[in-house]
């Protein structure tokens, strides 16, 4: 039973870390694109 709880906790922690990593990657890509768009937009005007 203790091992089962330990596996469940470790799985949840790994899952949360994966979600955080995906969010960071997605947000960084999105911010880069937004920054490029903003700089291009201001250069054009």
Protein backbone atom coordinates (compact mmCIF):
# COMPACT_ATOMS: atom_id res chain seq x y z
CA UNK A 1 0.00 0.00 0.00
CA UNK A 2 2.82 2.42 0.86
CA UNK A 3 4.58 1.56 -2.38
CA UNK A 4 1.36 2.20 -4.31
CA UNK A 5 1.02 5.65 -2.73
CA UNK A 6 4.67 6.36 -3.48
CA UNK A 7 4.25 5.38 -7.13
CA UNK A 8 1.10 7.49 -7.40
CA UNK A 9 2.84 10.53 -5.91
CA UNK A 10 5.92 10.16 -8.09
CA UNK A 11 3.73 9.72 -11.17
CA UNK A 12 1.76 12.86 -10.28
CA UNK A 13 4.98 14.83 -9.78
CA UNK A 14 6.37 13.67 -13.14
CA UNK A 15 3.05 14.53 -14.79
CA UNK A 16 3.06 18.03 -13.29
CA UNK A 17 6.65 18.57 -14.38
CA UNK A 18 5.82 17.51 -17.94
CA UNK A 19 2.87 19.92 -18.00
CA UNK A 20 5.10 22.75 -16.73
CA UNK A 21 7.76 21.99 -19.34
CA UNK A 22 5.16 21.93 -22.12
CA UNK A 23 3.67 25.21 -20.88
CA UNK A 24 7.09 26.85 -20.76
CA UNK A 25 7.99 25.65 -24.25
CA UNK A 26 4.64 26.70 -25.68
CA UNK A 27 4.69 30.10 -23.99
CA UNK A 28 8.28 30.79 -25.07
CA UNK A 29 7.47 29.91 -28.70
CA UNK A 30 4.29 32.01 -28.52
CA UNK A 31 6.13 34.97 -26.98
CA UNK A 32 8.87 34.76 -29.62
CA UNK A 33 6.28 34.85 -32.39
CA UNK A 34 4.41 37.71 -30.73
CA UNK A 35 7.66 39.63 -30.32
CA UNK A 36 8.56 39.08 -33.97
CA UNK A 37 5.09 40.17 -35.03
CA UNK A 38 5.21 43.30 -32.87
CA UNK A 39 8.70 44.31 -34.05
CA UNK A 40 7.74 43.68 -37.70
CA UNK A 41 4.53 45.66 -37.26
CA UNK A 42 6.30 48.63 -35.71
CA UNK A 43 9.05 48.57 -38.35
CA UNK A 44 6.46 48.65 -41.13
CA UNK A 45 4.66 51.70 -39.74
